[in-house]
Structure formats: structure tokens, C-alpha cells
């Protein structure tokens, strides 16, 4: 099942409520919220106040991606703030299993994130414990970057691994995805598509959500 997750990193925060309602009405499946600490990645974005303010104002699950240097500390805080799905970077902690268990104990789904050049081998002992793997298709930190084509092979390898093991793990991809390449991403094996500037910089964000879904579903035929 294809899921479309608009990323509010590219939204107009002056009109955030309006824009969330627009993508919600267009059939988006979840809302992607990027949290950046200015240390793990070279940018600062939103924190718990924004997650709290959105929670309960939309029926969309909140897919919170924390790009922070201390996920052990911050993961439970963001679950308490309202994250339904919380993903953190395997590069940011020597104890990913501990973070996964903490997230689940707080009542949220847990996912891990891999930067473009991080090997899938980092998932060897935790893949069976996560609900989702997010593969970055740009180097994290800024919106509007170009998709890195070599990530397609990585998506395909992960999909083969998940299916071989018979696991129910969503494969999410984030970075530079739009109408020109969403089919390639889905054909490679992704089922959760994050799009930020592609959606919110479009003339009609709702129409862009519908277009991405249409193209993604065509790729499965």
C-alpha cells in the first residue's frame, strides 16, 4: 500500500494549518515532521511545540523524523509530544536497539533512518524490531535538494531483504522526490513517499498529493 507523507519542512508556516488541511483533504496518509538540532545536521527546524500544536488538529498520523545527536534523550520527549511514528538516525547512537525499545514502550511505532551512504548492514540486528526504515535520498539538513540516484539500488536491496525475512516493515524514502522520479522509487521497493518542496511549492498542494499517488500506484501495475 502506497502512503504519501507531505513534509512540512517545505510548508509556509504562516499558513501551516491551512496547508495541512489541504493535503489531508487530498488524501495524504501521514504528516512528515523533520526535527533538526543544528548539530547532527547543519540546520535547525522545529521542536516539540510544533508537534504538540499539530497533534489533535489533524487525523493524519504524525511521522516525526528526529535528526539529532542524542536520540536516547529526545525520542521519548517527541513521543510524549504527539509523534505516532518516530524515526531516528542509526548514525547518531551506539545503542539503536535501546532507542527502539524506548519508543515502543512510550506507545509509538519505531523506525530508523539511514543517510545515503550508510550501509544496510547497520540494520542486521534491528530490522526485525522496527516498523519502518527511512532511507534518505539526499544528505539531510535542507529541503529542495536533488535526488541521489544510487539510492535506488539501496531501496531495492532493502525490499528484497524485508521480503526474504517475511517482515512487515515499511520502506520510506525522503529527499528530492517528485512527479519525475516517484515511479522509480516505488518500483525499487518503497511504499512510503515523503515529499516536501514538490508538494508545498506546487501551485496546488492537494493536486500534487493526488498526482504523486496516481503515479506511484501506476508504478505497481
Protein backbone atom coordinates (compact mmCIF):
# COMPACT_ATOMS: atom_id res chain seq x y z
CA UNK A 1 0.00 0.00 0.00
CA UNK A 2 1.41 3.36 -1.06
CA UNK A 3 1.47 6.09 1.57
CA UNK A 4 2.09 9.76 0.80
CA UNK A 5 3.70 11.78 3.58
CA UNK A 6 3.93 15.54 2.91
CA UNK A 7 6.86 17.11 4.73
CA UNK A 8 6.01 20.35 6.48
CA UNK A 9 9.67 21.42 6.31
CA UNK A 10 8.73 23.00 2.97
CA UNK A 11 5.37 24.37 4.06
CA UNK A 12 4.56 28.05 4.58
CA UNK A 13 4.41 28.22 8.38
CA UNK A 14 2.31 31.38 8.16
CA UNK A 15 -0.40 29.19 6.60
CA UNK A 16 0.55 25.85 8.17
CA UNK A 17 -2.92 24.89 9.38
CA UNK A 18 -4.45 25.70 6.00
CA UNK A 19 -1.78 23.74 4.14
CA UNK A 20 -2.12 20.70 6.41
CA UNK A 21 -5.88 20.67 5.83
CA UNK A 22 -5.31 20.87 2.08
CA UNK A 23 -3.07 17.80 1.91
CA UNK A 24 -5.28 15.99 4.40
CA UNK A 25 -8.36 16.60 2.23
CA UNK A 26 -6.38 15.41 -0.81
CA UNK A 27 -5.81 12.02 0.81
CA UNK A 28 -2.34 12.25 2.34
CA UNK A 29 -1.66 9.29 4.62
CA UNK A 30 0.60 10.87 7.23
CA UNK A 31 2.35 14.14 8.00
CA UNK A 32 6.14 14.15 8.00
CA UNK A 33 7.81 16.43 10.54
CA UNK A 34 11.57 17.00 10.35
CA UNK A 35 13.33 17.90 13.58
CA UNK A 36 16.87 19.27 13.20
CA UNK A 37 19.18 20.25 16.03
CA UNK A 38 21.87 22.23 14.17
CA UNK A 39 24.44 19.71 15.40
CA UNK A 40 23.74 16.32 13.83
CA UNK A 41 22.70 18.21 10.70
CA UNK A 42 23.67 21.77 9.71
CA UNK A 43 20.24 23.29 10.17
CA UNK A 44 17.65 23.98 12.87
CA UNK A 45 13.96 23.39 12.29
CA UNK A 46 11.06 22.70 14.64
CA UNK A 47 10.73 21.20 18.10
CA UNK A 48 8.13 19.76 20.45
CA UNK A 49 5.89 22.89 20.50
CA UNK A 50 5.11 22.45 16.79
CA UNK A 51 4.40 18.71 17.21
CA UNK A 52 2.12 19.45 20.17
CA UNK A 53 0.29 22.19 18.28
CA UNK A 54 -0.43 19.90 15.32
CA UNK A 55 -1.43 16.86 17.37
CA UNK A 56 -5.19 16.59 17.54
CA UNK A 57 -5.74 19.21 14.83
CA UNK A 58 -5.47 16.60 12.06
CA UNK A 59 -6.45 12.96 11.79
CA UNK A 60 -3.16 12.23 9.96
CA UNK A 61 -0.57 10.23 11.90
CA UNK A 62 2.47 12.32 12.77
CA UNK A 63 5.62 10.82 11.26
CA UNK A 64 8.38 12.56 13.21
CA UNK A 65 11.95 12.28 11.93
CA UNK A 66 14.49 13.42 14.51
CA UNK A 67 17.87 14.47 13.11
CA UNK A 68 19.51 14.95 16.49
CA UNK A 69 22.72 13.90 18.16
CA UNK A 70 21.17 12.39 21.27
CA UNK A 71 18.13 10.28 20.27
CA UNK A 72 18.22 8.44 23.60
CA UNK A 73 17.29 11.70 25.28
CA UNK A 74 14.93 13.20 22.71
CA UNK A 75 13.00 10.20 21.37
CA UNK A 76 10.71 9.81 24.41
CA UNK A 77 10.14 13.57 24.55
CA UNK A 78 8.84 13.66 20.98
CA UNK A 79 6.61 10.63 21.52
CA UNK A 80 5.10 12.38 24.52
CA UNK A 81 4.63 15.48 22.35
CA UNK A 82 2.49 13.51 19.91
CA UNK A 83 4.59 11.50 17.46
CA UNK A 84 2.74 8.43 16.20
CA UNK A 85 5.80 7.18 14.33
CA UNK A 86 9.26 8.25 15.43
CA UNK A 87 12.35 7.69 13.31
CA UNK A 88 15.92 8.37 14.39
CA UNK A 89 19.32 8.01 12.72
CA UNK A 90 21.40 4.89 13.32
CA UNK A 91 24.46 7.11 12.83
CA UNK A 92 23.50 9.16 15.88
CA UNK A 93 23.68 6.47 18.57
CA UNK A 94 25.71 3.40 19.54
CA UNK A 95 22.55 1.91 21.06
CA UNK A 96 19.81 1.85 18.41
CA UNK A 97 18.02 -1.13 19.97
CA UNK A 98 17.67 0.77 23.25
CA UNK A 99 16.11 3.74 21.45
CA UNK A 100 13.72 1.47 19.54
CA UNK A 101 12.53 -0.17 22.74
CA UNK A 102 12.12 3.21 24.44
CA UNK A 103 9.93 4.49 21.59
CA UNK A 104 7.73 1.40 21.66
CA UNK A 105 7.43 1.48 25.43
CA UNK A 106 6.06 5.01 25.10
CA UNK A 107 3.36 3.76 22.71
CA UNK A 108 4.61 4.87 19.29
CA UNK A 109 5.84 3.00 16.25
CA UNK A 110 9.62 2.99 15.89
CA UNK A 111 11.72 3.48 12.80
CA UNK A 112 15.36 4.02 11.92
CA UNK A 113 16.90 6.33 9.35
CA UNK A 114 19.97 5.75 7.17
CA UNK A 115 21.87 8.53 5.44
CA UNK A 116 22.51 7.97 1.71
CA UNK A 117 25.93 6.33 2.13
CA UNK A 118 25.20 4.42 5.35
CA UNK A 119 25.28 0.67 4.72
CA UNK A 120 22.21 -1.51 5.11
CA UNK A 121 24.41 -3.75 7.25
CA UNK A 122 23.71 -1.40 10.17
CA UNK A 123 20.22 -2.93 10.22
CA UNK A 124 21.38 -6.52 10.66
CA UNK A 125 20.37 -6.92 14.30
CA UNK A 126 17.48 -4.46 14.47
CA UNK A 127 15.47 -4.84 11.26
CA UNK A 128 13.09 -7.31 12.87
CA UNK A 129 12.35 -4.81 15.68
CA UNK A 130 11.36 -1.75 13.64
CA UNK A 131 8.11 -0.72 11.99
CA UNK A 132 9.77 1.40 9.32
CA UNK A 133 13.12 2.13 7.72
CA UNK A 134 13.61 5.59 6.26
CA UNK A 135 16.24 5.78 3.54
CA UNK A 136 17.47 9.29 2.89
CA UNK A 137 17.86 10.06 -0.81
CA UNK A 138 19.59 13.38 -0.10
CA UNK A 139 22.09 14.34 2.55
CA UNK A 140 19.85 15.51 5.41
CA UNK A 141 19.62 19.05 6.64
CA UNK A 142 17.93 21.07 3.93
CA UNK A 143 14.83 20.80 1.76
CA UNK A 144 14.78 21.17 -2.01
CA UNK A 145 17.82 19.01 -2.77
CA UNK A 146 18.19 16.74 -5.79
CA UNK A 147 17.50 13.02 -5.52
CA UNK A 148 20.62 10.81 -5.39
CA UNK A 149 20.02 8.06 -7.99
CA UNK A 150 22.32 5.48 -6.35
CA UNK A 151 19.81 5.17 -3.51
CA UNK A 152 17.50 3.24 -5.86
CA UNK A 153 19.75 0.17 -5.58
CA UNK A 154 19.69 0.53 -1.82
CA UNK A 155 15.89 0.63 -1.78
CA UNK A 156 15.75 -2.48 -3.95
CA UNK A 157 18.21 -4.36 -1.72
CA UNK A 158 16.25 -3.46 1.41
CA UNK A 159 12.94 -4.52 -0.16
CA UNK A 160 14.44 -7.88 -1.11
CA UNK A 161 15.77 -8.33 2.42
CA UNK A 162 12.43 -7.46 4.04
CA UNK A 163 10.53 -9.85 1.80
CA UNK A 164 13.06 -12.65 2.23
CA UNK A 165 12.67 -12.41 6.01
CA UNK A 166 8.88 -12.10 5.78
CA UNK A 167 8.86 -8.87 7.77
CA UNK A 168 6.19 -6.19 7.85
CA UNK A 169 8.44 -3.16 7.61
CA UNK A 170 7.52 -0.01 5.72
CA UNK A 171 10.25 1.41 3.48
CA UNK A 172 10.11 5.18 3.48
CA UNK A 173 12.21 7.37 1.19
CA UNK A 174 12.81 11.07 1.69
CA UNK A 175 14.63 13.61 -0.45
CA UNK A 176 14.13 15.07 -3.90
CA UNK A 177 11.08 13.01 -4.81
CA UNK A 178 8.55 14.42 -7.27
CA UNK A 179 6.49 13.50 -10.33
CA UNK A 180 9.57 12.79 -12.47
CA UNK A 181 11.04 10.07 -10.23
CA UNK A 182 8.36 8.79 -7.86
CA UNK A 183 7.69 5.80 -10.13
CA UNK A 184 11.34 4.77 -9.99
CA UNK A 185 11.33 4.98 -6.20
CA UNK A 186 8.20 2.84 -5.91
CA UNK A 187 9.40 0.31 -8.48
CA UNK A 188 12.59 -0.07 -6.44
CA UNK A 189 10.50 -1.07 -3.41
CA UNK A 190 9.50 1.99 -1.40
CA UNK A 191 5.93 2.21 -0.13
CA UNK A 192 6.07 5.44 1.90
CA UNK A 193 6.89 8.56 -0.10
CA UNK A 194 7.98 11.75 1.63
CA UNK A 195 7.72 14.91 -0.46
CA UNK A 196 8.24 18.45 0.75
CA UNK A 197 9.01 21.13 -1.81
CA UNK A 198 7.44 19.01 -4.55
CA UNK A 199 4.11 19.32 -2.74
CA UNK A 200 4.18 22.66 -0.97
CA UNK A 201 5.92 24.61 -3.74
CA UNK A 202 3.33 23.41 -6.26
CA UNK A 203 0.51 25.73 -7.31
CA UNK A 204 -1.96 23.34 -5.66
CA UNK A 205 -0.54 21.17 -2.86
CA UNK A 206 -3.62 18.96 -2.78
CA UNK A 207 -3.48 18.29 -6.50
CA UNK A 208 0.22 17.41 -6.20
CA UNK A 209 -0.58 14.84 -3.48
CA UNK A 210 -3.14 13.25 -5.77
CA UNK A 211 -0.71 13.24 -8.70
CA UNK A 212 2.08 11.60 -6.69
CA UNK A 213 -0.33 8.88 -5.51
CA UNK A 214 -1.58 8.28 -9.05
CA UNK A 215 1.95 7.94 -10.42
CA UNK A 216 3.08 5.77 -7.51
CA UNK A 217 0.16 3.39 -7.91
CA UNK A 218 0.75 3.20 -11.66
CA UNK A 219 4.27 2.00 -10.90
CA UNK A 220 2.86 -1.05 -9.12
CA UNK A 221 0.79 -2.24 -12.09
